[in-house]
Amino acid sequence: MARDDDEALSWGGDDDPTLDVSSPDPADSLPDGYTAVGKGSKPHIDEALTTDADTDADVSTTDEGTSHGMGNAALVTLGVIGGVYLLWTIAWLLGGLRLADYAQFLVSPVGFQVSLWLAVAASPIWFVTVILLTRRSKLWLRIVLLIVGILLLLPWPFIMVGAIGT
């Protein structure tokens, strides 16, 4: 009989031999026709079936054949840049709406609305396009193109007329 102190640390059936998970090869204990997958199983990848199109830039493969995702610094950098693009979208909307009174002297109301919504949509379109088109490229190229987009899509109406320009 176990002591009362040790009883809380055990569970009925702990000594069951079918619960032994210390087997070195999980594929040995599987029935015929089953394949072990997941952590600790041996990879069964046919090298002839894999192509360069199957690999992403986000998931790189080392010399040992193990793959890993983007690093923490890359993910944080992309998150910060994505936040800047979100701020640019809001700034284009606010700056464009503050120009609505002045725009009636320059363009038609329909032309102003079309150009306003194209300007608001330009930042998310640039961000998504760069992310999608540079999936198989180096990370530095993706970062450079996103920074170029930040500089090109600077929300001048917000800077000149918005909160800063008043």
N, C-alpha and C. Protein backbone atom coordinates (compact mmCIF):
# COMPACT_ATOMS: atom_id res chain seq x y z
N MET A 1 0.84 -1.17 0.00
CA MET A 1 0.00 0.00 0.00
C MET A 1 0.89 1.24 0.00
N ALA A 2 0.56 2.20 -0.84
CA ALA A 2 1.34 3.42 -0.91
C ALA A 2 1.01 4.34 0.26
N ARG A 3 1.98 5.16 0.59
CA ARG A 3 1.73 6.12 1.66
C ARG A 3 0.77 7.18 1.18
N ASP A 4 0.12 7.87 2.11
CA ASP A 4 -0.86 8.90 1.75
C ASP A 4 -0.21 10.05 0.99
N ASP A 5 1.06 10.35 1.30
CA ASP A 5 1.75 11.45 0.61
C ASP A 5 2.00 11.11 -0.85
N ASP A 6 2.35 9.85 -1.14
CA ASP A 6 2.66 9.44 -2.50
C ASP A 6 1.41 9.13 -3.31
N GLU A 7 0.30 8.93 -2.65
CA GLU A 7 -0.92 8.55 -3.34
C GLU A 7 -1.41 9.67 -4.27
N ALA A 8 -1.21 10.92 -3.90
CA ALA A 8 -1.65 12.03 -4.73
C ALA A 8 -0.82 12.16 -6.00
N LEU A 9 0.36 11.56 -6.00
CA LEU A 9 1.25 11.68 -7.15
C LEU A 9 1.12 10.51 -8.11
N SER A 10 0.24 9.58 -7.86
CA SER A 10 0.10 8.42 -8.73
C SER A 10 -1.33 8.32 -9.24
N TRP A 11 -1.48 7.56 -10.27
CA TRP A 11 -2.77 7.37 -10.91
C TRP A 11 -2.95 5.88 -11.12
N GLY A 12 -4.16 5.40 -10.93
CA GLY A 12 -4.40 3.97 -11.10
C GLY A 12 -4.07 3.53 -12.51
N GLY A 13 -3.23 2.53 -12.67
CA GLY A 13 -2.86 2.04 -13.99
C GLY A 13 -1.57 2.63 -14.52
N ASP A 14 -0.82 3.34 -13.67
CA ASP A 14 0.46 3.92 -14.09
C ASP A 14 1.47 2.85 -14.48
N ASP A 15 1.35 1.66 -13.96
CA ASP A 15 2.31 0.61 -14.25
C ASP A 15 1.89 -0.23 -15.46
N ASP A 16 0.92 0.23 -16.25
CA ASP A 16 0.46 -0.47 -17.44
C ASP A 16 1.57 -0.47 -18.49
N PRO A 17 2.01 -1.62 -19.01
CA PRO A 17 3.13 -1.65 -19.96
C PRO A 17 2.77 -1.05 -21.32
N THR A 18 1.49 -0.91 -21.65
CA THR A 18 1.12 -0.31 -22.95
C THR A 18 1.29 1.19 -22.95
N LEU A 19 1.49 1.79 -21.78
CA LEU A 19 1.68 3.23 -21.70
C LEU A 19 3.13 3.65 -21.79
N ASP A 20 4.03 2.72 -22.01
CA ASP A 20 5.45 3.01 -22.10
C ASP A 20 5.73 3.78 -23.38
N VAL A 21 6.16 5.05 -23.24
CA VAL A 21 6.45 5.90 -24.40
C VAL A 21 7.95 6.07 -24.61
N SER A 22 8.76 5.31 -23.92
CA SER A 22 10.20 5.47 -24.04
C SER A 22 10.79 4.61 -25.15
N SER A 23 9.96 4.09 -26.04
CA SER A 23 10.44 3.28 -27.15
C SER A 23 11.27 4.14 -28.08
N PRO A 24 12.45 3.71 -28.50
CA PRO A 24 13.31 4.56 -29.34
C PRO A 24 12.75 4.79 -30.73
N ASP A 25 12.01 3.88 -31.29
CA ASP A 25 11.47 4.04 -32.64
C ASP A 25 9.97 3.77 -32.60
N PRO A 26 9.13 4.84 -32.73
CA PRO A 26 7.70 4.63 -32.66
C PRO A 26 7.16 3.80 -33.83
N ALA A 27 7.89 3.73 -34.93
CA ALA A 27 7.42 2.95 -36.07
C ALA A 27 7.43 1.46 -35.79
N ASP A 28 8.24 1.01 -34.80
CA ASP A 28 8.30 -0.41 -34.47
C ASP A 28 7.00 -0.91 -33.84
N SER A 29 6.29 -0.06 -33.13
CA SER A 29 5.10 -0.49 -32.42
C SER A 29 3.82 -0.30 -33.23
N LEU A 30 3.91 0.18 -34.45
CA LEU A 30 2.72 0.41 -35.28
C LEU A 30 2.33 -0.86 -36.04
N PRO A 31 1.03 -1.06 -36.27
CA PRO A 31 0.59 -2.20 -37.08
C PRO A 31 1.04 -2.04 -38.53
N ASP A 32 0.99 -3.11 -39.29
CA ASP A 32 1.38 -3.07 -40.70
C ASP A 32 0.48 -2.11 -41.47
N GLY A 33 1.08 -1.33 -42.35
CA GLY A 33 0.33 -0.40 -43.18
C GLY A 33 0.27 1.00 -42.62
N TYR A 34 0.72 1.23 -41.40
CA TYR A 34 0.70 2.55 -40.78
C TYR A 34 2.10 3.13 -40.79
N THR A 35 2.18 4.47 -40.89
CA THR A 35 3.45 5.17 -40.91
C THR A 35 3.47 6.18 -39.78
N ALA A 36 4.56 6.24 -39.04
CA ALA A 36 4.70 7.20 -37.95
C ALA A 36 4.99 8.58 -38.53
N VAL A 37 4.29 9.58 -38.02
CA VAL A 37 4.52 10.96 -38.42
C VAL A 37 4.65 11.80 -37.16
N GLY A 38 5.21 12.99 -37.31
CA GLY A 38 5.32 13.90 -36.19
C GLY A 38 6.71 13.88 -35.58
N LYS A 39 6.81 14.51 -34.42
CA LYS A 39 8.10 14.65 -33.74
C LYS A 39 8.63 13.29 -33.32
N GLY A 40 9.87 13.02 -33.65
CA GLY A 40 10.49 11.78 -33.28
C GLY A 40 10.38 10.68 -34.31
N SER A 41 9.55 10.87 -35.33
CA SER A 41 9.45 9.84 -36.37
C SER A 41 10.49 10.09 -37.44
N LYS A 42 10.85 9.07 -38.14
CA LYS A 42 11.85 9.20 -39.19
C LYS A 42 11.19 9.80 -40.42
N PRO A 43 11.84 10.78 -41.07
CA PRO A 43 11.25 11.36 -42.28
C PRO A 43 11.31 10.37 -43.44
N HIS A 44 10.22 10.25 -44.17
CA HIS A 44 10.14 9.38 -45.34
C HIS A 44 9.80 10.23 -46.56
N ILE A 45 10.73 11.10 -46.95
CA ILE A 45 10.51 12.00 -48.07
C ILE A 45 11.28 11.50 -49.26
N ASP A 46 10.59 11.37 -50.38
CA ASP A 46 11.23 10.95 -51.61
C ASP A 46 11.86 12.19 -52.24
N GLU A 47 13.17 12.21 -52.35
CA GLU A 47 13.89 13.37 -52.87
C GLU A 47 13.54 13.66 -54.32
N ALA A 48 13.15 12.66 -55.08
CA ALA A 48 12.84 12.88 -56.49
C ALA A 48 11.52 13.63 -56.65
N LEU A 49 10.64 13.59 -55.65
CA LEU A 49 9.35 14.24 -55.77
C LEU A 49 9.37 15.69 -55.34
N THR A 50 10.38 16.12 -54.58
CA THR A 50 10.44 17.50 -54.13
C THR A 50 11.10 18.35 -55.21
N THR A 51 10.56 19.54 -55.39
CA THR A 51 11.09 20.49 -56.37
C THR A 51 11.40 21.79 -55.67
N ASP A 52 12.02 22.70 -56.40
CA ASP A 52 12.32 24.02 -55.85
C ASP A 52 11.06 24.82 -55.60
N ALA A 53 9.99 24.52 -56.33
CA ALA A 53 8.73 25.24 -56.15
C ALA A 53 8.07 24.89 -54.83
N ASP A 54 8.47 23.78 -54.21
CA ASP A 54 7.86 23.36 -52.96
C ASP A 54 8.42 24.13 -51.76
N THR A 55 9.56 24.78 -51.92
CA THR A 55 10.18 25.46 -50.80
C THR A 55 9.82 26.93 -50.83
N ASP A 56 9.63 27.51 -49.65
CA ASP A 56 9.32 28.92 -49.50
C ASP A 56 10.54 29.65 -48.97
N ALA A 57 10.58 30.95 -49.16
CA ALA A 57 11.65 31.74 -48.56
C ALA A 57 11.44 31.83 -47.05
N ASP A 58 10.17 31.76 -46.59
CA ASP A 58 9.89 31.84 -45.17
C ASP A 58 10.35 30.58 -44.45
N VAL A 59 10.41 29.45 -45.12
CA VAL A 59 10.85 28.20 -44.51
C VAL A 59 12.10 27.77 -45.26
N SER A 60 13.25 28.03 -44.65
CA SER A 60 14.51 27.72 -45.31
C SER A 60 15.03 26.38 -44.82
N THR A 61 15.82 25.73 -45.65
CA THR A 61 16.35 24.41 -45.31
C THR A 61 17.85 24.53 -45.11
N THR A 62 18.34 23.95 -44.03
CA THR A 62 19.77 23.97 -43.76
C THR A 62 20.43 22.77 -44.41
N ASP A 63 21.75 22.66 -44.24
CA ASP A 63 22.49 21.56 -44.86
C ASP A 63 22.09 20.21 -44.28
N GLU A 64 21.65 20.19 -43.02
CA GLU A 64 21.28 18.92 -42.42
C GLU A 64 19.91 18.45 -42.88
N GLY A 65 19.17 19.28 -43.59
CA GLY A 65 17.86 18.89 -44.07
C GLY A 65 16.72 19.32 -43.18
N THR A 66 17.02 19.95 -42.04
CA THR A 66 15.96 20.43 -41.18
C THR A 66 15.52 21.80 -41.64
N SER A 67 14.25 22.10 -41.48
CA SER A 67 13.75 23.40 -41.92
C SER A 67 13.31 24.21 -40.71
N HIS A 68 13.40 25.52 -40.84
CA HIS A 68 12.97 26.42 -39.78
C HIS A 68 12.33 27.64 -40.42
N GLY A 69 11.43 28.28 -39.71
CA GLY A 69 10.72 29.45 -40.21
C GLY A 69 11.55 30.70 -40.06
N MET A 70 10.91 31.83 -40.34
CA MET A 70 11.58 33.10 -40.18
C MET A 70 11.93 33.32 -38.72
N GLY A 71 12.98 34.07 -38.49
CA GLY A 71 13.40 34.35 -37.13
C GLY A 71 12.49 35.38 -36.47
N ASN A 72 12.66 35.53 -35.18
CA ASN A 72 11.86 36.48 -34.43
C ASN A 72 12.07 37.91 -34.90
N ALA A 73 13.31 38.27 -35.19
CA ALA A 73 13.60 39.63 -35.63
C ALA A 73 12.91 39.94 -36.95
N ALA A 74 12.87 38.98 -37.86
CA ALA A 74 12.21 39.19 -39.15
C ALA A 74 10.71 39.35 -38.97
N LEU A 75 10.12 38.55 -38.10
CA LEU A 75 8.69 38.66 -37.86
C LEU A 75 8.32 39.99 -37.20
N VAL A 76 9.13 40.42 -36.24
CA VAL A 76 8.88 41.70 -35.59
C VAL A 76 9.05 42.84 -36.59
N THR A 77 10.08 42.76 -37.44
CA THR A 77 10.30 43.80 -38.45
C THR A 77 9.12 43.88 -39.41
N LEU A 78 8.64 42.74 -39.89
CA LEU A 78 7.48 42.76 -40.78
C LEU A 78 6.23 43.27 -40.07
N GLY A 79 6.09 42.98 -38.80
CA GLY A 79 4.95 43.49 -38.04
C GLY A 79 5.00 45.00 -37.88
N VAL A 80 6.18 45.53 -37.59
CA VAL A 80 6.33 46.98 -37.45
C VAL A 80 6.07 47.67 -38.79
N ILE A 81 6.62 47.12 -39.86
CA ILE A 81 6.40 47.71 -41.18
C ILE A 81 4.92 47.62 -41.56
N GLY A 82 4.26 46.51 -41.23
CA GLY A 82 2.82 46.39 -41.48
C GLY A 82 2.04 47.43 -40.70
N GLY A 83 2.46 47.73 -39.47
CA GLY A 83 1.82 48.78 -38.68
C GLY A 83 1.99 50.15 -39.31
N VAL A 84 3.17 50.41 -39.86
CA VAL A 84 3.40 51.69 -40.55
C VAL A 84 2.47 51.80 -41.76
N TYR A 85 2.30 50.71 -42.50
CA TYR A 85 1.39 50.74 -43.65
C TYR A 85 -0.06 50.99 -43.20
N LEU A 86 -0.45 50.44 -42.06
CA LEU A 86 -1.79 50.70 -41.54
C LEU A 86 -1.95 52.17 -41.17
N LEU A 87 -0.92 52.74 -40.53
CA LEU A 87 -0.95 54.17 -40.21
C LEU A 87 -0.99 55.02 -41.47
N TRP A 88 -0.28 54.62 -42.50
CA TRP A 88 -0.28 55.35 -43.76
C TRP A 88 -1.69 55.33 -44.38
N THR A 89 -2.36 54.21 -44.30
CA THR A 89 -3.72 54.10 -44.84
C THR A 89 -4.66 55.06 -44.12
N ILE A 90 -4.58 55.09 -42.80
CA ILE A 90 -5.43 56.00 -42.02
C ILE A 90 -5.07 57.45 -42.31
N ALA A 91 -3.77 57.74 -42.43
CA ALA A 91 -3.34 59.11 -42.71
C ALA A 91 -3.80 59.57 -44.08
N TRP A 92 -3.78 58.69 -45.09
CA TRP A 92 -4.28 59.06 -46.41
C TRP A 92 -5.77 59.37 -46.35
N LEU A 93 -6.51 58.60 -45.58
CA LEU A 93 -7.95 58.84 -45.47
C LEU A 93 -8.22 60.17 -44.76
N LEU A 94 -7.57 60.40 -43.63
CA LEU A 94 -7.79 61.65 -42.89
C LEU A 94 -7.32 62.88 -43.68
N GLY A 95 -6.14 62.77 -44.27
CA GLY A 95 -5.63 63.90 -45.05
C GLY A 95 -6.48 64.18 -46.28
N GLY A 96 -6.93 63.11 -46.94
CA GLY A 96 -7.78 63.30 -48.12
C GLY A 96 -9.12 63.90 -47.78
N LEU A 97 -9.70 63.49 -46.67
CA LEU A 97 -10.99 64.06 -46.27
C LEU A 97 -10.87 65.52 -45.86
N ARG A 98 -9.72 65.89 -45.32
CA ARG A 98 -9.52 67.30 -44.97
C ARG A 98 -9.29 68.16 -46.21
N LEU A 99 -8.91 67.55 -47.33
CA LEU A 99 -8.73 68.28 -48.58
C LEU A 99 -10.01 68.41 -49.39
N ALA A 100 -11.08 67.80 -48.94
CA ALA A 100 -12.33 67.78 -49.72
C ALA A 100 -12.85 69.18 -50.01
N ASP A 101 -12.72 70.11 -49.07
CA ASP A 101 -13.20 71.47 -49.31
C ASP A 101 -12.38 72.19 -50.38
N TYR A 102 -11.08 71.94 -50.41
CA TYR A 102 -10.21 72.60 -51.38
C TYR A 102 -10.26 71.92 -52.74
N ALA A 103 -10.60 70.66 -52.78
CA ALA A 103 -10.58 69.90 -54.02
C ALA A 103 -11.69 70.30 -54.97
N GLN A 104 -12.77 70.91 -54.47
CA GLN A 104 -13.88 71.29 -55.35
C GLN A 104 -13.46 72.35 -56.38
N PHE A 105 -12.39 73.07 -56.09
CA PHE A 105 -11.90 74.07 -57.04
C PHE A 105 -10.98 73.46 -58.09
N LEU A 106 -10.48 72.26 -57.87
CA LEU A 106 -9.50 71.67 -58.77
C LEU A 106 -10.07 70.54 -59.63
N VAL A 107 -10.85 69.63 -59.05
CA VAL A 107 -11.36 68.47 -59.77
C VAL A 107 -12.84 68.28 -59.46
N SER A 108 -13.47 67.45 -60.27
CA SER A 108 -14.89 67.15 -60.04
C SER A 108 -15.03 66.30 -58.78
N PRO A 109 -16.20 66.32 -58.15
CA PRO A 109 -16.39 65.51 -56.94
C PRO A 109 -16.20 64.01 -57.18
N VAL A 110 -16.60 63.53 -58.35
CA VAL A 110 -16.42 62.11 -58.66
C VAL A 110 -14.93 61.79 -58.81
N GLY A 111 -14.21 62.65 -59.49
CA GLY A 111 -12.77 62.45 -59.66
C GLY A 111 -12.04 62.49 -58.33
N PHE A 112 -12.49 63.37 -57.42
CA PHE A 112 -11.86 63.43 -56.10
C PHE A 112 -12.12 62.16 -55.31
N GLN A 113 -13.36 61.65 -55.34
CA GLN A 113 -13.69 60.43 -54.60
C GLN A 113 -12.89 59.23 -55.11
N VAL A 114 -12.79 59.12 -56.44
CA VAL A 114 -12.03 58.00 -57.01
C VAL A 114 -10.56 58.09 -56.61
N SER A 115 -9.98 59.28 -56.72
CA SER A 115 -8.57 59.42 -56.37
C SER A 115 -8.34 59.25 -54.87
N LEU A 116 -9.30 59.69 -54.04
CA LEU A 116 -9.16 59.52 -52.59
C LEU A 116 -9.12 58.03 -52.23
N TRP A 117 -10.04 57.24 -52.76
CA TRP A 117 -10.09 55.82 -52.39
C TRP A 117 -8.96 55.03 -53.02
N LEU A 118 -8.45 55.46 -54.18
CA LEU A 118 -7.26 54.82 -54.72
C LEU A 118 -6.03 55.11 -53.86
N ALA A 119 -5.95 56.34 -53.36
CA ALA A 119 -4.83 56.69 -52.49
C ALA A 119 -4.91 55.94 -51.16
N VAL A 120 -6.11 55.78 -50.63
CA VAL A 120 -6.28 55.04 -49.37
C VAL A 120 -5.93 53.57 -49.58
N ALA A 121 -6.31 53.01 -50.72
CA ALA A 121 -6.06 51.59 -50.98
C ALA A 121 -4.63 51.30 -51.43
N ALA A 122 -3.87 52.31 -51.78
CA ALA A 122 -2.51 52.09 -52.31
C ALA A 122 -1.59 51.43 -51.29
N SER A 123 -1.66 51.83 -50.03
CA SER A 123 -0.77 51.25 -49.01
C SER A 123 -1.03 49.77 -48.77
N PRO A 124 -2.29 49.36 -48.53
CA PRO A 124 -2.50 47.91 -48.36
C PRO A 124 -2.20 47.11 -49.62
N ILE A 125 -2.47 47.68 -50.78
CA ILE A 125 -2.18 46.97 -52.03
C ILE A 125 -0.68 46.76 -52.17
N TRP A 126 0.12 47.79 -51.89
CA TRP A 126 1.59 47.66 -51.98
C TRP A 126 2.09 46.60 -51.01
N PHE A 127 1.61 46.65 -49.76
CA PHE A 127 2.08 45.72 -48.74
C PHE A 127 1.76 44.27 -49.13
N VAL A 128 0.53 44.01 -49.51
CA VAL A 128 0.12 42.64 -49.87
C VAL A 128 0.85 42.17 -51.12
N THR A 129 1.02 43.06 -52.09
CA THR A 129 1.71 42.69 -53.33
C THR A 129 3.16 42.31 -53.06
N VAL A 130 3.85 43.10 -52.25
CA VAL A 130 5.25 42.80 -51.95
C VAL A 130 5.35 41.48 -51.18
N ILE A 131 4.48 41.27 -50.21
CA ILE A 131 4.52 40.02 -49.43
C ILE A 131 4.27 38.82 -50.34
N LEU A 132 3.30 38.92 -51.23
CA LEU A 132 2.97 37.78 -52.10
C LEU A 132 4.02 37.53 -53.18
N LEU A 133 4.57 38.59 -53.75
CA LEU A 133 5.51 38.42 -54.86
C LEU A 133 6.93 38.09 -54.40
N THR A 134 7.24 38.30 -53.13
CA THR A 134 8.60 38.02 -52.65
C THR A 134 8.63 36.81 -51.71
N ARG A 135 7.67 35.92 -51.84
CA ARG A 135 7.65 34.73 -50.98
C ARG A 135 8.88 33.86 -51.20
N ARG A 136 9.35 33.75 -52.41
CA ARG A 136 10.48 32.89 -52.71
C ARG A 136 11.80 33.66 -52.82
N SER A 137 11.78 34.93 -52.45
CA SER A 137 12.98 35.77 -52.52
C SER A 137 13.64 35.84 -51.14
N LYS A 138 14.78 36.47 -51.13
CA LYS A 138 15.50 36.68 -49.88
C LYS A 138 14.73 37.67 -49.01
N LEU A 139 14.90 37.56 -47.70
CA LEU A 139 14.19 38.42 -46.77
C LEU A 139 14.60 39.88 -46.91
N TRP A 140 15.87 40.13 -47.18
CA TRP A 140 16.33 41.51 -47.30
C TRP A 140 15.65 42.22 -48.47
N LEU A 141 15.36 41.50 -49.55
CA LEU A 141 14.68 42.11 -50.69
C LEU A 141 13.26 42.51 -50.31
N ARG A 142 12.58 41.66 -49.56
CA ARG A 142 11.23 41.98 -49.10
C ARG A 142 11.24 43.23 -48.22
N ILE A 143 12.20 43.30 -47.31
CA ILE A 143 12.29 44.45 -46.40
C ILE A 143 12.60 45.73 -47.19
N VAL A 144 13.52 45.65 -48.14
CA VAL A 144 13.87 46.83 -48.94
C VAL A 144 12.66 47.32 -49.74
N LEU A 145 11.93 46.42 -50.37
CA LEU A 145 10.76 46.83 -51.14
C LEU A 145 9.67 47.42 -50.26
N LEU A 146 9.51 46.90 -49.07
CA LEU A 146 8.52 47.47 -48.16
C LEU A 146 8.93 48.86 -47.69
N ILE A 147 10.23 49.07 -47.45
CA ILE A 147 10.71 50.40 -47.05
C ILE A 147 10.58 51.39 -48.20
N VAL A 148 10.84 50.94 -49.42
CA VAL A 148 10.65 51.80 -50.60
C VAL A 148 9.17 52.21 -50.69
N GLY A 149 8.28 51.28 -50.43
CA GLY A 149 6.85 51.60 -50.45
C GLY A 149 6.47 52.61 -49.38
N ILE A 150 7.09 52.51 -48.21
CA ILE A 150 6.81 53.48 -47.14
C ILE A 150 7.22 54.88 -47.60
N LEU A 151 8.36 54.97 -48.27
CA LEU A 151 8.83 56.28 -48.73
C LEU A 151 8.00 56.81 -49.90
N LEU A 152 7.61 55.92 -50.82
CA LEU A 152 6.82 56.35 -51.97
C LEU A 152 5.39 56.75 -51.60
N LEU A 153 4.82 56.07 -50.63
CA LEU A 153 3.43 56.30 -50.27
C LEU A 153 3.26 57.23 -49.08
N LEU A 154 4.24 58.07 -48.83
CA LEU A 154 4.18 59.02 -47.73
C LEU A 154 2.91 59.85 -47.85
N PRO A 155 2.09 59.94 -46.80
CA PRO A 155 0.79 60.63 -46.90
C PRO A 155 0.93 62.15 -46.84
N TRP A 156 1.27 62.74 -47.96
CA TRP A 156 1.50 64.18 -48.03
C TRP A 156 0.28 65.01 -47.66
N PRO A 157 -0.94 64.64 -48.05
CA PRO A 157 -2.09 65.46 -47.61
C PRO A 157 -2.20 65.55 -46.09
N PHE A 158 -1.92 64.48 -45.40
CA PHE A 158 -1.98 64.49 -43.94
C PHE A 158 -0.86 65.35 -43.37
N ILE A 159 0.31 65.27 -43.97
CA ILE A 159 1.46 66.04 -43.47
C ILE A 159 1.24 67.54 -43.71
N MET A 160 0.73 67.90 -44.89
CA MET A 160 0.59 69.31 -45.26
C MET A 160 -0.67 69.96 -44.68
N VAL A 161 -1.77 69.24 -44.66
CA VAL A 161 -3.04 69.83 -44.24
C VAL A 161 -3.55 69.22 -42.93
N GLY A 162 -3.12 68.01 -42.65
CA GLY A 162 -3.61 67.29 -41.48
C GLY A 162 -3.15 67.91 -40.19
N ALA A 163 -2.99 67.10 -39.19
CA ALA A 163 -2.67 67.58 -37.84
C ALA A 163 -1.32 68.30 -37.79
N ILE A 164 -0.38 67.90 -38.61
CA ILE A 164 0.95 68.51 -38.57
C ILE A 164 0.96 69.85 -39.29
N GLY A 165 0.26 69.94 -40.39
CA GLY A 165 0.32 71.15 -41.22
C GLY A 165 -0.55 72.29 -40.76
N THR A 166 -1.42 72.10 -39.76
CA THR A 166 -2.34 73.18 -39.35
C THR A 166 -1.73 74.12 -38.40
